[in-house]
Structures are given as C-alpha cells and as structure tokens.
Protein backbone atom coordinates (compact mmCIF):
# COMPACT_ATOMS: atom_id res chain seq x y z
CA UNK A 1 1.02 54.64 288.38
CA UNK A 2 2.33 53.56 284.96
CA UNK A 3 -0.15 53.94 282.14
CA UNK A 4 -0.73 50.90 279.89
CA UNK A 5 -2.58 50.12 276.68
CA UNK A 6 -3.95 46.86 275.37
CA UNK A 7 -2.41 45.88 272.02
CA UNK A 8 -1.28 42.98 269.93
CA UNK A 9 2.07 42.52 268.12
CA UNK A 10 1.98 41.66 264.40
CA UNK A 11 4.70 39.92 262.39
CA UNK A 12 7.97 41.78 261.69
CA UNK A 13 7.29 44.33 264.44
CA UNK A 14 4.12 45.79 262.91
CA UNK A 15 1.89 47.32 265.61
CA UNK A 16 -1.82 46.43 265.98
CA UNK A 17 -3.81 48.38 268.60
CA UNK A 18 -7.09 47.14 270.20
CA UNK A 19 -9.94 49.55 270.73
CA UNK A 20 -7.81 52.59 269.98
CA UNK A 21 -8.39 55.32 267.29
CA UNK A 22 -5.87 55.07 264.48
CA UNK A 23 -3.66 58.12 264.12
CA UNK A 24 -3.66 60.03 260.86
CA UNK A 25 -0.24 58.53 260.00
CA UNK A 26 -1.40 55.05 260.84
CA UNK A 27 -4.60 55.47 258.84
CA UNK A 28 -2.49 56.35 255.84
CA UNK A 29 -0.47 53.21 256.32
CA UNK A 30 -2.94 50.43 257.00
CA UNK A 31 -1.31 47.34 258.28
CA UNK A 32 0.94 49.29 260.65
CA UNK A 33 -1.76 50.02 263.28
CA UNK A 34 -4.95 48.01 263.08
CA UNK A 35 -7.59 46.67 265.46
CA UNK A 36 -7.24 43.07 266.56
CA UNK A 37 -8.88 40.64 268.94
CA UNK A 38 -5.60 39.14 270.20
CA UNK A 39 -4.48 41.46 273.02
CA UNK A 40 -1.37 42.02 275.12
CA UNK A 41 -0.38 44.84 277.47
CA UNK A 42 2.43 47.35 276.78
CA UNK A 43 3.83 49.96 279.09
CA UNK A 44 5.19 53.40 278.25
CA UNK A 45 8.73 52.16 278.89
CA UNK A 46 8.19 49.31 276.42
CA UNK A 47 6.74 51.74 273.87
CA UNK A 48 9.76 54.01 274.34
CA UNK A 49 12.05 51.04 273.79
CA UNK A 50 10.10 50.13 270.64
CA UNK A 51 10.46 53.71 269.35
CA UNK A 52 14.21 53.54 269.93
CA UNK A 53 14.46 50.20 268.14
CA UNK A 54 12.48 51.50 265.16
CA UNK A 55 14.62 54.65 265.06
CA UNK A 56 17.73 52.48 264.92
CA UNK A 57 16.20 50.49 262.07
CA UNK A 58 15.42 53.73 260.21
CA UNK A 59 19.03 54.86 260.58
CA UNK A 60 20.31 51.48 259.49
CA UNK A 61 18.00 51.48 256.46
CA UNK A 62 19.03 55.04 255.59
CA UNK A 63 22.72 54.16 255.82
CA UNK A 64 22.21 51.17 253.55
CA UNK A 65 20.15 53.26 251.10
CA UNK A 66 22.85 55.94 251.01
CA UNK A 67 25.52 53.29 250.39
CA UNK A 68 23.55 51.78 247.51
CA UNK A 69 22.91 55.22 246.02
CA UNK A 70 26.63 55.96 246.20
CA UNK A 71 27.37 52.64 244.49
CA UNK A 72 24.82 53.43 241.77
CA UNK A 73 26.46 56.81 241.23
CA UNK A 74 29.86 55.11 240.96
CA UNK A 75 28.53 52.63 238.41
CA UNK A 76 26.89 55.42 236.40
CA UNK A 77 30.17 57.32 236.33
CA UNK A 78 32.08 54.22 235.27
CA UNK A 79 29.42 53.44 232.66
CA UNK A 80 29.76 56.91 231.16
CA UNK A 81 33.54 56.48 230.88
CA UNK A 82 33.09 52.99 229.43
CA UNK A 83 30.73 54.41 226.80
CA UNK A 84 33.35 56.98 225.81
CA UNK A 85 35.98 54.25 225.49
CA UNK A 86 33.58 52.06 223.50
CA UNK A 87 32.81 54.90 221.09
CA UNK A 88 36.49 55.65 220.61
CA UNK A 89 37.36 51.98 220.15
CA UNK A 90 34.54 51.56 217.63
CA UNK A 91 35.68 54.65 215.76
CA UNK A 92 39.24 53.34 215.65
CA UNK A 93 37.98 49.98 214.43
CA UNK A 94 35.78 51.56 211.76
CA UNK A 95 38.60 53.75 210.57
CA UNK A 96 41.00 50.82 210.57
CA UNK A 97 38.43 48.62 208.87
CA UNK A 98 37.75 51.10 206.12
CA UNK A 99 41.43 51.87 205.73
CA UNK A 100 42.25 48.18 205.70
CA UNK A 101 39.56 47.45 203.14
CA UNK A 102 40.71 50.28 200.95
CA UNK A 103 44.25 49.08 201.25
CA UNK A 104 43.24 45.47 200.64
CA UNK A 105 41.16 46.48 197.62
CA UNK A 106 43.99 48.62 196.37
CA UNK A 107 46.41 45.74 196.70
CA UNK A 108 43.95 43.43 195.00
CA UNK A 109 43.58 45.88 192.13
CA UNK A 110 47.32 46.38 191.87
CA UNK A 111 47.83 42.64 191.81
CA UNK A 112 45.15 42.18 189.14
CA UNK A 113 46.64 45.01 187.08
CA UNK A 114 50.11 43.54 187.47
CA UNK A 115 48.93 40.17 186.27
CA UNK A 116 47.07 41.74 183.37
CA UNK A 117 50.07 43.87 182.51
CA UNK A 118 52.28 40.82 182.29
CA UNK A 119 50.42 40.11 179.08
CA UNK A 120 51.52 36.94 177.37
CA UNK A 121 54.33 36.47 179.88
CA UNK A 122 51.77 35.97 182.67
CA UNK A 123 50.10 33.24 180.64
CA UNK A 124 53.41 31.48 179.85
CA UNK A 125 54.47 31.74 183.50
CA UNK A 126 51.26 30.19 184.80
CA UNK A 127 51.49 27.34 182.31
CA UNK A 128 55.16 26.79 183.20
CA UNK A 129 54.21 26.54 186.86
CA UNK A 130 51.88 23.72 185.90
CA UNK A 131 54.94 21.82 184.58
CA UNK A 132 54.76 22.77 180.88
CA UNK A 133 58.40 22.84 179.66
CA UNK A 134 57.51 24.57 176.41
CA UNK A 135 55.78 27.35 178.34
CA UNK A 136 58.94 27.76 180.39
CA UNK A 137 60.98 28.25 177.19
CA UNK A 138 58.46 30.86 176.00
CA UNK A 139 58.72 32.67 179.32
CA UNK A 140 62.51 32.60 179.17
CA UNK A 141 62.53 33.99 175.61
CA UNK A 142 60.44 37.03 176.49
CA UNK A 143 62.11 37.77 179.82
CA UNK A 144 65.70 37.19 178.70
CA UNK A 145 68.20 39.95 179.24
CA UNK A 146 70.82 38.50 176.88
CA UNK A 147 70.56 36.98 173.40
CA UNK A 148 71.89 33.57 174.49
CA UNK A 149 68.66 31.78 173.50
CA UNK A 150 68.74 33.20 169.98
CA UNK A 151 69.81 30.73 167.26
CA UNK A 152 69.02 32.62 164.06
CA UNK A 153 71.28 34.28 161.52
CA UNK A 154 71.41 37.37 163.74
CA UNK A 155 71.78 35.48 166.99
CA UNK A 156 74.64 37.74 167.95
CA UNK A 157 72.35 40.79 167.95
CA UNK A 158 70.70 41.58 171.26
CA UNK A 159 67.03 42.16 170.58
CA UNK A 160 65.91 41.87 174.20
CA UNK A 161 65.86 45.64 174.54
CA UNK A 162 62.95 45.86 172.12
CA UNK A 163 60.67 43.62 174.11
CA UNK A 164 58.24 45.66 176.26
CA UNK A 165 56.45 43.00 178.24
CA UNK A 166 52.75 43.64 178.60
CA UNK A 167 52.74 47.18 177.30
CA UNK A 168 49.65 48.28 175.45
CA UNK A 169 51.43 48.86 172.10
CA UNK A 170 53.42 45.69 172.23
CA UNK A 171 52.86 42.25 170.69
CA UNK A 172 53.14 40.90 174.26
CA UNK A 173 50.12 42.77 175.65
CA UNK A 174 47.28 40.53 176.75
CA UNK A 175 44.78 42.14 174.40
CA UNK A 176 47.13 41.89 171.42
CA UNK A 177 47.84 38.26 172.18
CA UNK A 178 44.12 37.59 172.45
CA UNK A 179 43.56 38.98 168.98
CA UNK A 180 46.40 36.88 167.64
CA UNK A 181 45.09 33.71 169.28
CA UNK A 182 41.59 34.41 167.99
CA UNK A 183 43.01 34.60 164.44
CA UNK A 184 45.35 31.63 164.75
CA UNK A 185 43.31 29.44 162.48
CA UNK A 186 43.24 31.89 159.57
CA UNK A 187 46.41 30.39 158.17
CA UNK A 188 44.82 26.95 158.10
CA UNK A 189 41.78 28.31 156.36
CA UNK A 190 44.02 29.63 153.58
CA UNK A 191 46.03 26.43 153.45
CA UNK A 192 42.75 24.57 153.00
CA UNK A 193 42.05 26.64 149.89
CA UNK A 194 45.08 25.13 148.16
CA UNK A 195 43.44 21.72 147.82
CA UNK A 196 46.81 20.03 148.23
CA UNK A 197 45.82 18.17 151.40
CA UNK A 198 47.90 20.54 153.51
CA UNK A 199 47.63 19.59 157.18
CA UNK A 200 46.52 22.17 159.71
CA UNK A 201 49.42 23.86 161.39
CA UNK A 202 49.60 23.40 165.14
CA UNK A 203 51.02 25.85 167.63
CA UNK A 204 52.90 25.97 170.91
CA UNK A 205 54.12 28.50 173.46
CA UNK A 206 57.66 28.77 172.08
CA UNK A 207 56.56 29.70 168.56
CA UNK A 208 54.05 32.21 169.90
CA UNK A 209 56.78 33.78 172.07
CA UNK A 210 59.31 33.92 169.17
CA UNK A 211 56.76 35.69 166.97
CA UNK A 212 56.11 38.28 169.71
CA UNK A 213 59.84 38.67 170.38
CA UNK A 214 60.85 39.33 166.77
CA UNK A 215 57.75 41.47 166.06
CA UNK A 216 58.78 43.72 168.95
CA UNK A 217 61.85 44.64 166.95
CA UNK A 218 59.94 44.89 163.66
CA UNK A 219 57.45 47.30 165.30
CA UNK A 220 60.30 49.78 165.29
CA UNK A 221 62.20 48.73 162.21
CA UNK A 222 60.74 47.58 158.91
CA UNK A 223 62.73 44.38 158.61
CA UNK A 224 63.06 40.86 159.93
CA UNK A 225 65.03 40.42 163.14
CA UNK A 226 66.39 36.98 162.27
CA UNK A 227 66.99 36.27 165.95
CA UNK A 228 65.65 32.68 165.79
CA UNK A 229 65.95 30.00 163.11
CA UNK A 230 62.31 30.02 161.99
CA UNK A 231 60.34 31.10 158.94
CA UNK A 232 58.52 34.42 159.31
CA UNK A 233 55.87 36.60 157.63
CA UNK A 234 55.46 40.29 158.56
CA UNK A 235 52.87 42.86 157.50
CA UNK A 236 52.26 46.51 158.41
CA UNK A 237 49.06 48.46 157.95
CA UNK A 238 46.82 45.60 156.82
CA UNK A 239 43.43 44.89 158.35
CA UNK A 240 43.89 41.31 157.21
CA UNK A 241 47.55 40.44 156.52
CA UNK A 242 46.53 37.41 154.44
CA UNK A 243 45.30 39.81 151.81
CA UNK A 244 48.91 40.59 151.01
CA UNK A 245 50.51 37.36 152.16
CA UNK A 246 48.19 35.03 150.34
CA UNK A 247 45.82 36.73 147.91
CA UNK A 248 48.30 39.09 146.26
CA UNK A 249 51.33 36.83 146.34
CA UNK A 250 49.41 33.81 145.12
CA UNK A 251 48.80 35.78 141.94
CA UNK A 252 52.46 36.67 141.75
CA UNK A 253 53.40 33.05 142.31
CA UNK A 254 51.02 31.68 139.70
CA UNK A 255 51.85 34.33 137.10
CA UNK A 256 55.54 34.26 137.85
CA UNK A 257 55.66 38.01 137.42
CA UNK A 258 58.78 38.33 139.49
CA UNK A 259 57.10 40.04 142.40
CA UNK A 260 57.13 38.96 146.05
CA UNK A 261 55.90 35.41 146.71
CA UNK A 262 57.78 34.39 149.89
CA UNK A 263 54.90 34.98 152.34
CA UNK A 264 52.60 32.86 150.17
CA UNK A 265 55.17 30.08 149.96
CA UNK A 266 55.55 30.00 153.78
CA UNK A 267 51.80 29.60 154.17
CA UNK A 268 51.60 26.64 151.79
CA UNK A 269 54.93 25.06 152.73
CA UNK A 270 54.31 21.36 153.32
CA UNK A 271 57.33 20.99 155.63
CA UNK A 272 56.01 23.35 158.22
CA UNK A 273 53.97 21.78 161.04
CA UNK A 274 54.00 24.40 163.81
CA UNK A 275 53.39 28.13 163.68
CA UNK A 276 53.23 31.16 165.94
CA UNK A 277 51.29 34.37 165.48
CA UNK A 278 51.49 37.91 166.84
CA UNK A 279 49.75 41.24 166.53
CA UNK A 280 50.63 44.78 167.56
CA UNK A 281 47.84 47.31 167.46
CA UNK A 282 50.21 50.24 166.95
CA UNK A 283 53.76 50.15 165.79
CA UNK A 284 56.24 52.98 166.09
CA UNK A 285 56.69 53.28 162.34
CA UNK A 286 54.56 53.99 159.28
CA UNK A 287 52.44 56.47 161.20
CA UNK A 288 51.66 53.98 163.90
CA UNK A 289 50.37 51.32 161.56
CA UNK A 290 49.33 48.02 163.08
CA UNK A 291 51.45 45.01 162.28
CA UNK A 292 51.20 41.23 162.15
CA UNK A 293 53.88 38.60 162.45
CA UNK A 294 53.78 34.84 161.83
CA UNK A 295 56.47 32.24 162.43
CA UNK A 296 56.85 28.72 161.01
CA UNK A 297 58.87 25.65 162.00
CA UNK A 298 58.93 21.95 161.28
CA UNK A 299 58.63 19.25 163.92
CA UNK A 300 62.42 18.71 163.93
CA UNK A 301 63.04 22.27 165.10
CA UNK A 302 63.83 22.75 168.78
CA UNK A 303 60.97 25.23 168.74
CA UNK A 304 58.43 22.89 167.17
CA UNK A 305 57.96 20.40 170.00
CA UNK A 306 54.96 19.98 172.30
CA UNK A 307 52.59 21.53 169.77
CA UNK A 308 48.81 21.39 170.18
CA UNK A 309 45.89 22.10 167.88
CA UNK A 310 44.70 25.62 167.42
CA UNK A 311 41.44 24.81 169.17
CA UNK A 312 43.24 23.45 172.26
CA UNK A 313 45.49 26.44 172.44
CA UNK A 314 42.62 28.86 172.07
CA UNK A 315 40.76 27.10 174.88
CA UNK A 316 43.77 27.20 177.20
CA UNK A 317 44.52 30.83 176.58
CA UNK A 318 40.84 31.78 176.67
CA UNK A 319 40.50 30.36 180.19
CA UNK A 320 43.46 32.35 181.40
CA UNK A 321 42.36 35.55 179.67
CA UNK A 322 38.84 35.37 181.09
CA UNK A 323 40.14 34.79 184.60
CA UNK A 324 42.61 37.64 184.48
CA UNK A 325 40.24 40.09 182.82
CA UNK A 326 37.36 39.27 185.16
CA UNK A 327 39.52 39.67 188.23
CA UNK A 328 40.78 42.99 186.94
CA UNK A 329 37.28 44.32 186.32
CA UNK A 330 35.96 43.12 189.68
CA UNK A 331 38.96 44.46 191.58
CA UNK A 332 38.65 47.83 189.87
CA UNK A 333 34.91 47.99 190.59
CA UNK A 334 35.40 47.02 194.23
CA UNK A 335 38.07 49.66 194.66
CA UNK A 336 36.05 52.39 192.99
CA UNK A 337 32.93 51.55 195.00
CA UNK A 338 34.64 51.62 198.37
CA UNK A 339 33.56 55.13 199.33
CA UNK A 340 30.94 55.16 202.10
CA UNK A 341 29.54 52.49 204.38
CA UNK A 342 30.85 50.74 207.45
CA UNK A 343 32.62 47.49 206.82
CA UNK A 344 34.54 44.94 208.81
CA UNK A 345 37.84 43.52 207.70
CA UNK A 346 39.72 40.46 208.78
CA UNK A 347 43.02 42.24 208.38
CA UNK A 348 42.32 45.02 210.90
CA UNK A 349 45.30 45.19 213.29
CA UNK A 350 44.77 42.75 216.16
CA UNK A 351 45.37 45.34 218.85
CA UNK A 352 42.49 47.42 217.50
CA UNK A 353 40.22 44.38 217.44
CA UNK A 354 41.21 43.49 221.00
CA UNK A 355 40.58 47.03 222.22
CA UNK A 356 37.09 47.03 220.76
CA UNK A 357 36.27 43.63 222.28
CA UNK A 358 37.50 44.76 225.70
CA UNK A 359 35.46 47.95 225.47
CA UNK A 360 32.32 46.03 224.48
CA UNK A 361 32.74 43.55 227.34
CA UNK A 362 33.44 46.25 229.91
CA UNK A 363 30.39 48.23 228.84
CA UNK A 364 28.17 45.16 228.93
CA UNK A 365 29.45 44.21 232.39
CA UNK A 366 28.79 47.70 233.72
CA UNK A 367 25.28 47.71 232.25
CA UNK A 368 24.54 44.49 234.12
CA UNK A 369 26.15 45.95 237.24
CA UNK A 370 23.97 49.03 236.96
CA UNK A 371 20.82 46.93 236.77
CA UNK A 372 21.87 45.19 239.98
CA UNK A 373 22.79 48.51 241.64
CA UNK A 374 19.45 50.06 240.69
CA UNK A 375 17.64 47.02 242.07
CA UNK A 376 19.56 47.41 245.34
CA UNK A 377 18.59 51.09 245.54
CA UNK A 378 14.93 50.33 244.85
CA UNK A 379 14.82 47.58 247.46
CA UNK A 380 16.67 49.73 249.99
CA UNK A 381 14.24 52.59 249.36
CA UNK A 382 11.31 50.28 250.04
CA UNK A 383 12.97 49.04 253.24
CA UNK A 384 13.72 52.60 254.35
CA UNK A 385 10.16 53.79 253.69
CA UNK A 386 8.81 50.83 255.66
CA UNK A 387 11.18 51.54 258.54
CA UNK A 388 10.04 55.18 258.62
CA UNK A 389 6.40 54.12 258.67
CA UNK A 390 6.98 51.62 261.46
CA UNK A 391 8.97 54.17 263.46
CA UNK A 392 6.20 56.73 263.10
CA UNK A 393 3.66 54.13 264.17
CA UNK A 394 5.71 53.45 267.30
CA UNK A 395 5.95 57.19 268.01
CA UNK A 396 2.17 57.53 267.58
CA UNK A 397 1.66 54.66 270.00
CA UNK A 398 3.97 56.25 272.57
CA UNK A 399 2.15 59.57 272.22
CA UNK A 400 -1.18 57.85 272.77
CA UNK A 401 0.17 56.28 275.99
CA UNK A 402 1.49 59.57 277.37
CA UNK A 403 -1.70 61.62 276.64
CA UNK A 404 -5.23 61.41 278.15
CA UNK A 405 -7.84 59.18 276.57
CA UNK A 406 -9.39 62.26 274.96
CA UNK A 407 -7.63 64.20 272.27
CA UNK A 408 -3.93 63.67 272.79
CA UNK A 409 -2.03 66.63 274.16
CA UNK A 410 -5.08 68.69 275.29
CA UNK A 411 -6.04 69.95 278.76
CA UNK A 412 -9.61 69.45 280.13
CA UNK A 413 -10.70 72.78 278.69
CA UNK A 414 -9.72 71.65 275.22
CA UNK A 415 -6.54 73.72 274.97
CA UNK A 416 -3.15 72.11 274.58
CA UNK A 417 -1.07 72.07 277.72
CA UNK A 418 0.22 69.98 280.49
CA UNK A 419 -1.91 67.17 281.91
CA UNK A 420 -3.83 68.41 285.03
CA UNK A 421 -2.99 66.84 288.31
CA UNK A 422 -5.47 64.33 289.61
CA UNK A 423 -7.06 64.33 293.11
CA UNK A 424 -6.71 61.21 295.21
CA UNK A 425 -10.08 59.98 294.01
CA UNK A 426 -9.01 60.43 290.38
CA UNK A 427 -11.20 63.55 289.68
CA UNK A 428 -9.74 66.83 288.55
CA UNK A 429 -9.19 69.28 291.42
CA UNK A 430 -10.12 72.88 291.64
CA UNK A 431 -8.48 75.36 289.38
CA UNK A 432 -5.97 77.34 291.37
CA UNK A 433 -6.85 80.98 291.78
CA UNK A 434 -4.68 83.59 290.22
CA UNK A 435 -2.96 86.44 291.96
CA UNK A 436 -3.42 89.95 290.64
CA UNK A 437 -0.24 89.55 288.58
CA UNK A 438 -1.71 86.53 286.77
CA UNK A 439 0.25 83.89 288.61
CA UNK A 440 -1.51 81.07 290.47
CA UNK A 441 -1.47 81.37 294.28
CA UNK A 442 -3.56 82.20 297.25
CA UNK A 443 -6.41 84.59 296.74
CA UNK A 444 -5.47 88.03 298.13
CA UNK A 445 -7.55 89.62 300.80
CA UNK A 446 -10.18 91.96 299.41
CA UNK A 447 -10.29 95.57 300.35
CA UNK A 448 -13.81 96.53 301.63
CA UNK A 449 -15.71 98.89 299.41
CA UNK A 450 -15.80 102.38 300.89
CA UNK A 451 -18.89 104.51 300.40
CA UNK A 452 -18.67 108.25 300.31
CA UNK A 453 -18.27 109.68 303.74
CA UNK A 454 -16.80 106.61 305.21
CA UNK A 455 -13.22 106.14 306.08
CA UNK A 456 -11.25 103.06 305.65
CA UNK A 457 -11.36 101.00 308.80
CA UNK A 458 -15.03 101.74 309.54
CA UNK A 459 -17.29 98.77 309.99
CA UNK A 460 -18.83 98.21 306.55
CA UNK A 461 -21.03 95.25 305.70
CA UNK A 462 -19.70 93.28 302.74
CA UNK A 463 -21.19 90.54 300.52
CA UNK A 464 -18.98 87.48 300.35
CA UNK A 465 -17.96 86.25 296.84
CA UNK A 466 -19.51 83.00 295.68
CA UNK A 467 -16.82 80.35 295.09
CA UNK A 468 -17.39 77.34 292.84
CA UNK A 469 -17.39 74.01 294.60
CA UNK A 470 -17.04 70.47 293.44
CA UNK A 471 -20.09 68.62 292.13
CA UNK A 472 -22.65 68.02 294.95
CA UNK A 473 -21.37 70.79 297.22
CA UNK A 474 -23.08 74.14 297.93
CA UNK A 475 -21.97 77.68 297.31
CA UNK A 476 -21.29 80.14 300.11
CA UNK A 477 -24.74 81.71 299.69
CA UNK A 478 -26.26 78.52 301.06
CA UNK A 479 -28.24 77.84 297.88
CA UNK A 480 -27.78 74.30 296.73
CA UNK A 481 -27.41 73.35 293.12
CA UNK A 482 -30.54 71.18 293.49
CA UNK A 483 -32.59 74.21 294.38
CA UNK A 484 -31.27 76.08 291.39
CA UNK A 485 -32.35 73.23 289.17
CA UNK A 486 -35.81 73.16 290.80
CA UNK A 487 -36.28 76.86 290.23
CA UNK A 488 -35.28 76.50 286.60
CA UNK A 489 -37.83 73.72 286.18
CA UNK A 490 -40.60 75.77 287.79
CA UNK A 491 -39.90 78.74 285.57
CA UNK A 492 -40.03 76.50 282.52
CA UNK A 493 -43.41 75.05 283.62
CA UNK A 494 -44.87 78.48 284.21
CA UNK A 495 -43.66 79.60 280.78
CA UNK A 496 -45.38 76.59 279.26
CA UNK A 497 -48.70 77.29 281.06
CA UNK A 498 -48.68 80.91 279.99
CA UNK A 499 -47.94 79.94 276.41
CA UNK A 500 -50.75 77.38 276.42
CA UNK A 501 -53.23 79.90 277.80
CA UNK A 502 -52.33 82.42 275.22
CA UNK A 503 -52.81 79.92 272.46
CA UNK A 504 -56.27 78.93 273.75
CA UNK A 505 -57.30 82.53 274.14
CA UNK A 506 -56.28 83.24 270.61
CA UNK A 507 -58.50 80.46 269.32
C-alpha cells in the first residue's frame, strides 16, 4: 500500500505541510514548509518527482550563477586592462599638455622678444601695415641693404652696415627710441625761450628713422654721416645735449666769439618745421659715451611730409611701446612659471586627445557593465539559494513519507534501521529468534541439562523456557498477564497496610 501525506501546494512550488512537524531545515527556512488548512494528498512517487524537479532547478540555477560569475570575472579583467590604458593615455596627455604649453609659452616669449627686439622698426612696420606711407618710408630706411634711398652729400656711401636694428646699444632699440620720444619736446621748449614766435616743430616717422640711421654711424665715428639731405645736431657724453647745443652756443652766437654756433642756429631756424630725434645709451667711441642726434627739415623736403604734433606722436608710440613691453613681461612670466601643475592645452596632438577620450569612454562603459554583471550575480545567487532551500524541503518531505510517523529512520526500539515488517492486522510481529551464531532463524533444540551421575540420553525432567507472546496471550507456564497484574496490586496493597500500621504504632 502506497503511503500518502496530506499537504497543500503554495505559489512557485513552495511546500506547505498540514499537521506535520517541520524539519530542522524547513524550520530554518519558514515559508518553505508551513502548516495550512487547505489540504491535498501527495504520494511518494509524486514527492520523488518533486525532488527531481527541484534538483533540476538547483542545477539550472547553479549553471546560471556560474555563467554570471564567469562574466563578472571577464568584466573585471577587462576593467583592469582598461584602467591601465586610461592611466597611460592620461599620462601621455599630461605630458603632451605640459610639453605643448611649455612649447606654446616658449613660442609666445620668443615672439614677444622678437617684436621687442625689432625696436623702432617694429613700430614703423605696424604703422605701415595700418596704411601710413610715411611709416613705410621709415621702415624702408632702416631695413635697406643698399644706399639707394640716401639723398645727402654722401649718398654714395653705404651706411646700412652700421644700422643694428633693435640692438640694445643702438639708436633703434625700443628703449632708446622711447627715451628719444619722451624728450621730443625739449627742442620746442628751447625754441620758446627765444621769444621770436618760433612755431613748435612737428615730427614724423621718416625724420625719426633718418636720425636713428645716421646716429648709428656716428655711434662709431665722431662725425656726421651726411647720408640724407637734412639738418643735424650730434652730441656725445652729455646728460642733456641742449646744454651744449643751446646754452653754450647761444653765448657763442650772441658774443660772436668765433666758436661753434651751428647747433644753436638749427634749433632756432625759422625755416625748419619737422624734426627727428634719436638717442643711443652707449656708443662705441669716447669710452662708451651716450650720444644724441637730432634732424631738421622744412615742409618742402621729401622727408618733411605727414608730420604730426609731438603730443600725437608720443601717444602713438606710447601705445605701441606699452603693448609690446607688457606682452614681453607677461610672456616671460608665464614661461618662467610653467614648472609644476597639470594643465590642458588646445594644441595637444589630436591623436593623443582621441586616445584619452576613447580610454575614458571604454572605462566608463566597463564600469557600467560591471554594475550590471554584479547585479546578475547577486540575483542569480538569490535564485540559487532559493532553489537549494526548495530542493531540501522536497527531500525532507520525501523522507517524511518514506519513514514511520515516529522519528524518521528509527526502528520500534528507537535505533535506526530498516522499517519492521507489519503483520496482516497492522501490528508489529514477533522478533525473530537468533541462532547461536547471531543470525535470525529457528530456535535450536536445547540439550537437556545432565546432572552428575547421569548419562546423556537418560530421562531427565526439564523446565520449559517461557516465550513472550503477543498482548493478551499467556506464557507457557500458564500464568496469565492479568494474574501477574493482580498479584502486583495485592502486594502493593499489603505494603500500604503495613506502612500505615507502622505509622500508627509510632504515634
């Protein structure tokens, strides 16, 4: 006869057992096996089938969990490689950025220095590019390689070799030109002292360039170049050249003492309308004495056109000078302060930029992929653990169906073993007797006890052994179990009477 149990099926295959002790496993996992009022019957075969199904689910869940763990390991490996590539790409970018910035700053500084070192030529060039024709003539004068522009008494002499554009000890340096421009109006201040209504001299680029050109020669030779057809004053070693040009020679002129008066006469000449001015901080003669040069021309001179007031010229040059000097200082500071720090640069090679962007994107994608992979592993682990619990619950149910209603797996005497066979009426039968060798079988015939003097085979009276019978039967002695119980009761009553008597006697 197939054994059955009453149980109810919960959602998703969870087992709920009616009137049945929960197993230790099931008690640790409430919700897998629980009592319920809704009952159905399950056979051992059905329980075995359920165990097989749950085992298959466990294997399926384990396979899926292993696959997800393998995928997570793959992503972790790829993520580690992506991190290495990202670090290398970032390093390459940083190195390229810093190198590019240094190079860019270096180029900026070199450009600023080059512009500064052009001196007055840089100023004339910039003004020429704005469409100033006079500035173009000034630029051509100072950058000429032949004397073709010269129109003075010594026009045939090539003085271009003496012009050192922008050099520190040259009338064309930016600082020397600045000093000259700052002092441009001195001549007008001295002209104003004459009281002869002398107009203020104006200036232009050409006259400034001619003064610088001819003073370049006179910084090496103490004489006038005479390259251009203009008036000219020169002075070496004076802090203020007008001390000699005006103060000293005015006296000579007024006293007619026969000494030099030409410089004074140029200053107060009423025909002159335009002038140029130059300064060299250190000449190559007279122990490196500084020198000044001033040129004069009238408005009819080819060099006297497009003149402007001293104030206008100072403003124009001042703007240029400030721009060039500021850029030089800032470029130098930027270059010198480049050491240290991580910077970005727009001029980093594009392939390095692209590599870094690819590395960043790949790393970000793998990070997101890892989050998804970890989630899959976590969910698969939960599913696997649940499948194991449900499988164990099914196994526990099957065990409960294949064991007696007492403690599962125990024989009637409480020791584990096989289930005893049942008699037709469902009660346990007699325990089979053991043979002398310990194996169950028929009881061997007993050998009669022999008393001294007797021989085996003699007629000896023996006492038969009492054999246990089933409940309600009698033993071989003929004494019923009811009689035994009666005797036990009588003995107990007698013991009680004796005890009572003794207690009364004691009182």
